[in-house]
Amino acid sequence: MIDGLAKTGPLVKKAASLGMPALAITDFTNLCGLVKFYGAGHGAGIKPIVGADFNVHNELLGDELTHLTVLAANNTGYQNLTLLISKAYQRGYGAAGPIIERDWLVELKEGLILISGGRMGDVGRCLLRGNQALVEECVAFYETHFPDRYFLELIRTGRQDEETYLHAAVELAEARGLPVVASG
């Protein structure tokens, strides 16, 4: 909710009025909004999906940080999500905030669902640069470790490079049979 404008209560009410069975709201490297969201979701008959957004270091991209959304599919996923958050804070952090290593996802993958981070994720950054070799390497990692649990994020909020990314991501999804999810 650090970069969102909506308040939890009204957002949950709107989702309920639209007949949505579930809703995810994520915070940046924490679960501070979870209690309020969980209660509001259950009160409105909506399944709350627990998750967090992360800055990720991927060795393929050098020192550049990318974004990734991690959702808990079950109780084991929730436990692994909290471990990722803890590890990020335990290592210390600078101006970018807490950071996770992409490799940590492998050891804590059980019960986790990943959403690519859109144009700010590793796949998105490589797509925007036209670096097909790195796109393939990144996608292969997620296909290997998160089969059927890695989604390309499609987002249209009017930000720079979104349209270019959106079209490239849809092409990639069609070519590789990757599932997509709309966010925003």
C-alpha atoms as a PDB file:
ATOM      1  CA  MET A   1       0.000   0.000   0.000  1.00  0.00           C
ATOM      2  CA  ILE A   2       3.064   2.281   0.024  1.00  0.00           C
ATOM      3  CA  ASP A   3       2.449   3.407  -3.552  1.00  0.00           C
ATOM      4  CA  GLY A   4      -1.329   3.006  -3.634  1.00  0.00           C
ATOM      5  CA  LEU A   5      -4.032   5.595  -3.221  1.00  0.00           C
ATOM      6  CA  ALA A   6      -6.891   3.367  -2.125  1.00  0.00           C
ATOM      7  CA  LYS A   7      -7.778   2.686   1.488  1.00  0.00           C
ATOM      8  CA  THR A   8      -8.346  -0.929   2.492  1.00  0.00           C
ATOM      9  CA  GLY A   9     -12.003  -0.674   3.544  1.00  0.00           C
ATOM     10  CA  PRO A  10     -13.359   1.062   0.431  1.00  0.00           C
ATOM     11  CA  LEU A  11     -11.249  -1.153  -1.833  1.00  0.00           C
ATOM     12  CA  VAL A  12     -12.639  -4.327  -0.246  1.00  0.00           C
ATOM     13  CA  LYS A  13     -16.199  -2.957  -0.431  1.00  0.00           C
ATOM     14  CA  LYS A  14     -15.765  -2.167  -4.132  1.00  0.00           C
ATOM     15  CA  ALA A  15     -14.370  -5.649  -4.799  1.00  0.00           C
ATOM     16  CA  ALA A  16     -17.358  -7.175  -3.007  1.00  0.00           C
ATOM     17  CA  SER A  17     -19.799  -5.049  -5.017  1.00  0.00           C
ATOM     18  CA  LEU A  18     -18.158  -6.359  -8.194  1.00  0.00           C
ATOM     19  CA  GLY A  19     -18.613  -9.942  -7.024  1.00  0.00           C
ATOM     20  CA  MET A  20     -14.890 -10.635  -6.742  1.00  0.00           C
ATOM     21  CA  PRO A  21     -14.252 -13.818  -4.735  1.00  0.00           C
ATOM     22  CA  ALA A  22     -10.702 -12.841  -3.716  1.00  0.00           C
ATOM     23  CA  LEU A  23      -8.409  -9.820  -3.548  1.00  0.00           C
ATOM     24  CA  ALA A  24      -4.700  -9.285  -2.914  1.00  0.00           C
ATOM     25  CA  ILE A  25      -3.264  -6.153  -1.354  1.00  0.00           C
ATOM     26  CA  THR A  26       0.505  -5.989  -0.920  1.00  0.00           C
ATOM     27  CA  ASP A  27       2.867  -3.816   1.081  1.00  0.00           C
ATOM     28  CA  PHE A  28       6.523  -3.169   0.270  1.00  0.00           C
ATOM     29  CA  THR A  29       8.611  -5.760   2.141  1.00  0.00           C
ATOM     30  CA  ASN A  30       6.178  -6.026   5.038  1.00  0.00           C
ATOM     31  CA  LEU A  31       2.720  -7.155   6.037  1.00  0.00           C
ATOM     32  CA  CYS A  32       1.661  -4.036   7.959  1.00  0.00           C
ATOM     33  CA  GLY A  33      -1.738  -3.783   6.297  1.00  0.00           C
ATOM     34  CA  LEU A  34      -2.537  -7.468   6.706  1.00  0.00           C
ATOM     35  CA  VAL A  35      -4.651  -7.388   9.882  1.00  0.00           C
ATOM     36  CA  LYS A  36      -6.980  -4.634   8.664  1.00  0.00           C
ATOM     37  CA  PHE A  37      -7.192  -6.180   5.182  1.00  0.00           C
ATOM     38  CA  TYR A  38      -7.800  -9.694   6.481  1.00  0.00           C
ATOM     39  CA  GLY A  39     -10.652  -8.557   8.717  1.00  0.00           C
ATOM     40  CA  ALA A  40     -12.232  -6.360   6.046  1.00  0.00           C
ATOM     41  CA  GLY A  41     -11.969  -9.128   3.461  1.00  0.00           C
ATOM     42  CA  HIS A  42     -13.594 -11.772   5.605  1.00  0.00           C
ATOM     43  CA  GLY A  43     -16.251  -9.318   6.738  1.00  0.00           C
ATOM     44  CA  ALA A  44     -17.161  -8.645   3.095  1.00  0.00           C
ATOM     45  CA  GLY A  45     -17.078 -12.302   2.070  1.00  0.00           C
ATOM     46  CA  ILE A  46     -13.867 -11.912   0.079  1.00  0.00           C
ATOM     47  CA  LYS A  47     -10.862 -14.198   0.430  1.00  0.00           C
ATOM     48  CA  PRO A  48      -7.867 -11.999   1.321  1.00  0.00           C
ATOM     49  CA  ILE A  49      -4.691 -12.998  -0.518  1.00  0.00           C
ATOM     50  CA  VAL A  50      -1.570 -12.224   1.503  1.00  0.00           C
ATOM     51  CA  GLY A  51       1.516 -10.907  -0.267  1.00  0.00           C
ATOM     52  CA  ALA A  52       4.376  -8.443  -0.369  1.00  0.00           C
ATOM     53  CA  ASP A  53       6.340  -6.485  -2.963  1.00  0.00           C
ATOM     54  CA  PHE A  54      10.114  -6.811  -3.011  1.00  0.00           C
ATOM     55  CA  ASN A  55      13.228  -5.241  -4.438  1.00  0.00           C
ATOM     56  CA  VAL A  56      15.166  -8.173  -5.867  1.00  0.00           C
ATOM     57  CA  HIS A  57      18.836  -8.572  -6.695  1.00  0.00           C
ATOM     58  CA  ASN A  58      19.265 -10.861  -9.694  1.00  0.00           C
ATOM     59  CA  GLU A  59      22.899 -11.690 -10.447  1.00  0.00           C
ATOM     60  CA  LEU A  60      22.139 -11.630 -14.192  1.00  0.00           C
ATOM     61  CA  LEU A  61      21.490  -7.872 -14.009  1.00  0.00           C
ATOM     62  CA  GLY A  62      24.508  -6.842 -11.956  1.00  0.00           C
ATOM     63  CA  ASP A  63      23.719  -4.260  -9.266  1.00  0.00           C
ATOM     64  CA  GLU A  64      20.369  -3.277 -10.782  1.00  0.00           C
ATOM     65  CA  LEU A  65      17.381  -4.034  -8.556  1.00  0.00           C
ATOM     66  CA  THR A  66      14.100  -5.300  -9.940  1.00  0.00           C
ATOM     67  CA  HIS A  67      10.588  -5.636  -8.516  1.00  0.00           C
ATOM     68  CA  LEU A  68       8.630  -8.776  -7.724  1.00  0.00           C
ATOM     69  CA  THR A  69       5.319  -9.443  -5.993  1.00  0.00           C
ATOM     70  CA  VAL A  70       5.167 -12.590  -3.880  1.00  0.00           C
ATOM     71  CA  LEU A  71       1.821 -14.048  -2.791  1.00  0.00           C
ATOM     72  CA  ALA A  72       1.113 -16.819  -0.298  1.00  0.00           C
ATOM     73  CA  ALA A  73      -0.953 -19.657  -1.777  1.00  0.00           C
ATOM     74  CA  ASN A  74      -1.349 -21.435   1.566  1.00  0.00           C
ATOM     75  CA  ASN A  75      -0.038 -21.511   5.144  1.00  0.00           C
ATOM     76  CA  THR A  76       3.379 -22.816   4.060  1.00  0.00           C
ATOM     77  CA  GLY A  77       3.560 -19.970   1.564  1.00  0.00           C
ATOM     78  CA  TYR A  78       2.686 -17.491   4.306  1.00  0.00           C
ATOM     79  CA  GLN A  79       5.498 -18.882   6.467  1.00  0.00           C
ATOM     80  CA  ASN A  80       7.948 -18.665   3.555  1.00  0.00           C
ATOM     81  CA  LEU A  81       6.795 -15.134   2.749  1.00  0.00           C
ATOM     82  CA  THR A  82       7.501 -14.046   6.327  1.00  0.00           C
ATOM     83  CA  LEU A  83      10.929 -15.708   6.124  1.00  0.00           C
ATOM     84  CA  LEU A  84      11.723 -13.745   2.938  1.00  0.00           C
ATOM     85  CA  ILE A  85      10.738 -10.507   4.652  1.00  0.00           C
ATOM     86  CA  SER A  86      12.809 -11.366   7.725  1.00  0.00           C
ATOM     87  CA  LYS A  87      15.881 -12.254   5.646  1.00  0.00           C
ATOM     88  CA  ALA A  88      15.588  -8.976   3.746  1.00  0.00           C
ATOM     89  CA  TYR A  89      15.612  -6.952   6.970  1.00  0.00           C
ATOM     90  CA  GLN A  90      18.279  -9.065   8.671  1.00  0.00           C
ATOM     91  CA  ARG A  91      20.798  -8.372   5.929  1.00  0.00           C
ATOM     92  CA  GLY A  92      20.404  -4.615   6.420  1.00  0.00           C
ATOM     93  CA  TYR A  93      19.556  -2.146   3.696  1.00  0.00           C
ATOM     94  CA  GLY A  94      20.375   1.180   2.133  1.00  0.00           C
ATOM     95  CA  ALA A  95      18.413   3.840   0.301  1.00  0.00           C
ATOM     96  CA  ALA A  96      16.531   1.283  -1.822  1.00  0.00           C
ATOM     97  CA  GLY A  97      15.147  -0.403   1.276  1.00  0.00           C
ATOM     98  CA  PRO A  98      15.287  -4.108   2.069  1.00  0.00           C
ATOM     99  CA  ILE A  99      16.419  -6.386  -0.767  1.00  0.00           C
ATOM    100  CA  ILE A 100      16.032 -10.102  -1.368  1.00  0.00           C
ATOM    101  CA  GLU A 101      18.272 -12.265  -3.506  1.00  0.00           C
ATOM    102  CA  ARG A 102      16.496 -14.042  -6.337  1.00  0.00           C
ATOM    103  CA  ASP A 103      18.143 -17.305  -5.226  1.00  0.00           C
ATOM    104  CA  TRP A 104      16.350 -17.096  -1.852  1.00  0.00           C
ATOM    105  CA  LEU A 105      13.149 -17.786  -3.753  1.00  0.00           C
ATOM    106  CA  VAL A 106      14.408 -21.269  -4.621  1.00  0.00           C
ATOM    107  CA  GLU A 107      14.894 -22.372  -1.016  1.00  0.00           C
ATOM    108  CA  LEU A 108      11.579 -20.805   0.082  1.00  0.00           C
ATOM    109  CA  LYS A 109       9.467 -21.538  -3.007  1.00  0.00           C
ATOM    110  CA  GLU A 110       6.902 -23.887  -1.502  1.00  0.00           C
ATOM    111  CA  GLY A 111       3.482 -22.257  -1.356  1.00  0.00           C
ATOM    112  CA  LEU A 112       4.558 -19.058  -3.113  1.00  0.00           C
ATOM    113  CA  ILE A 113       3.083 -17.468  -6.231  1.00  0.00           C
ATOM    114  CA  LEU A 114       5.164 -14.870  -8.087  1.00  0.00           C
ATOM    115  CA  ILE A 115       3.956 -11.895 -10.103  1.00  0.00           C
ATOM    116  CA  SER A 116       6.674 -10.566 -12.408  1.00  0.00           C
ATOM    117  CA  GLY A 117       6.851  -6.907 -11.399  1.00  0.00           C
ATOM    118  CA  GLY A 118       5.754  -5.633 -14.805  1.00  0.00           C
ATOM    119  CA  ARG A 119       8.192  -3.326 -16.557  1.00  0.00           C
ATOM    120  CA  MET A 120      10.180  -3.050 -13.309  1.00  0.00           C
ATOM    121  CA  GLY A 121      10.711  -6.801 -12.942  1.00  0.00           C
ATOM    122  CA  ASP A 122      13.702  -8.679 -14.334  1.00  0.00           C
ATOM    123  CA  VAL A 123      11.786 -10.042 -17.327  1.00  0.00           C
ATOM    124  CA  GLY A 124      10.242  -6.618 -17.967  1.00  0.00           C
ATOM    125  CA  ARG A 125      13.567  -4.809 -17.874  1.00  0.00           C
ATOM    126  CA  CYS A 126      15.101  -7.333 -20.274  1.00  0.00           C
ATOM    127  CA  LEU A 127      12.090  -7.086 -22.616  1.00  0.00           C
ATOM    128  CA  LEU A 128      12.357  -3.291 -22.710  1.00  0.00           C
ATOM    129  CA  ARG A 129      16.060  -3.540 -23.549  1.00  0.00           C
ATOM    130  CA  GLY A 130      15.370  -6.061 -26.285  1.00  0.00           C
ATOM    131  CA  ASN A 131      17.759  -8.535 -24.640  1.00  0.00           C
ATOM    132  CA  GLN A 132      16.099 -11.785 -25.685  1.00  0.00           C
ATOM    133  CA  ALA A 133      18.904 -13.956 -24.281  1.00  0.00           C
ATOM    134  CA  LEU A 134      18.389 -12.543 -20.777  1.00  0.00           C
ATOM    135  CA  VAL A 135      14.604 -12.751 -21.159  1.00  0.00           C
ATOM    136  CA  GLU A 136      14.988 -16.463 -21.903  1.00  0.00           C
ATOM    137  CA  GLU A 137      17.326 -16.977 -18.924  1.00  0.00           C
ATOM    138  CA  CYS A 138      14.984 -15.209 -16.533  1.00  0.00           C
ATOM    139  CA  VAL A 139      11.894 -17.029 -17.799  1.00  0.00           C
ATOM    140  CA  ALA A 140      13.709 -20.383 -17.620  1.00  0.00           C
ATOM    141  CA  PHE A 141      14.459 -19.746 -13.931  1.00  0.00           C
ATOM    142  CA  TYR A 142      10.798 -19.146 -13.127  1.00  0.00           C
ATOM    143  CA  GLU A 143       9.575 -22.029 -15.298  1.00  0.00           C
ATOM    144  CA  THR A 144      12.002 -24.365 -13.525  1.00  0.00           C
ATOM    145  CA  HIS A 145      11.328 -23.289  -9.943  1.00  0.00           C
ATOM    146  CA  PHE A 146       7.765 -21.922 -10.152  1.00  0.00           C
ATOM    147  CA  PRO A 147       5.912 -23.916 -12.819  1.00  0.00           C
ATOM    148  CA  ASP A 148       2.332 -22.640 -13.017  1.00  0.00           C
ATOM    149  CA  ARG A 149       3.087 -20.201 -10.165  1.00  0.00           C
ATOM    150  CA  TYR A 150       4.809 -17.395 -12.083  1.00  0.00           C
ATOM    151  CA  PHE A 151       2.634 -14.772 -13.777  1.00  0.00           C
ATOM    152  CA  LEU A 152       3.616 -11.975 -16.130  1.00  0.00           C
ATOM    153  CA  GLU A 153       2.142  -8.782 -14.726  1.00  0.00           C
ATOM    154  CA  LEU A 154       0.193  -6.612 -17.135  1.00  0.00           C
ATOM    155  CA  ILE A 155      -0.357  -3.085 -15.914  1.00  0.00           C
ATOM    156  CA  ARG A 156      -1.565   0.064 -17.640  1.00  0.00           C
ATOM    157  CA  THR A 157      -1.315   3.189 -15.495  1.00  0.00           C
ATOM    158  CA  GLY A 158       0.161   5.613 -18.023  1.00  0.00           C
ATOM    159  CA  ARG A 159       3.752   5.346 -16.823  1.00  0.00           C
ATOM    160  CA  GLN A 160       6.770   5.525 -19.094  1.00  0.00           C
ATOM    161  CA  ASP A 161       7.439   2.394 -21.201  1.00  0.00           C
ATOM    162  CA  GLU A 162       4.274   0.602 -20.043  1.00  0.00           C
ATOM    163  CA  GLU A 163       2.755   0.249 -23.499  1.00  0.00           C
ATOM    164  CA  THR A 164       6.004  -1.047 -24.985  1.00  0.00           C
ATOM    165  CA  TYR A 165       6.361  -3.506 -22.118  1.00  0.00           C
ATOM    166  CA  LEU A 166       2.707  -4.537 -22.292  1.00  0.00           C
ATOM    167  CA  HIS A 167       2.899  -5.534 -25.953  1.00  0.00           C
ATOM    168  CA  ALA A 168       6.223  -7.362 -25.501  1.00  0.00           C
ATOM    169  CA  ALA A 169       4.911  -9.193 -22.417  1.00  0.00           C
ATOM    170  CA  VAL A 170       1.758 -10.350 -24.202  1.00  0.00           C
ATOM    171  CA  GLU A 171       3.877 -11.642 -27.104  1.00  0.00           C
ATOM    172  CA  LEU A 172       6.152 -13.471 -24.652  1.00  0.00           C
ATOM    173  CA  ALA A 173       3.186 -14.940 -22.788  1.00  0.00           C
ATOM    174  CA  GLU A 174       1.685 -16.240 -26.014  1.00  0.00           C
ATOM    175  CA  ALA A 175       4.993 -17.640 -27.267  1.00  0.00           C
ATOM    176  CA  ARG A 176       5.920 -19.377 -23.995  1.00  0.00           C
ATOM    177  CA  GLY A 177       2.466 -20.215 -22.682  1.00  0.00           C
ATOM    178  CA  LEU A 178       2.994 -18.067 -19.593  1.00  0.00           C
ATOM    179  CA  PRO A 179      -0.034 -17.034 -17.559  1.00  0.00           C
ATOM    180  CA  VAL A 180      -0.705 -13.314 -17.135  1.00  0.00           C
ATOM    181  CA  VAL A 181      -2.360 -11.254 -14.428  1.00  0.00           C
ATOM    182  CA  ALA A 182      -3.674  -7.697 -14.620  1.00  0.00           C
ATOM    183  CA  SER A 183      -2.767  -5.387 -11.745  1.00  0.00           C
ATOM    184  CA  GLY A 184      -2.949  -1.766 -10.862  1.00  0.00           C
END
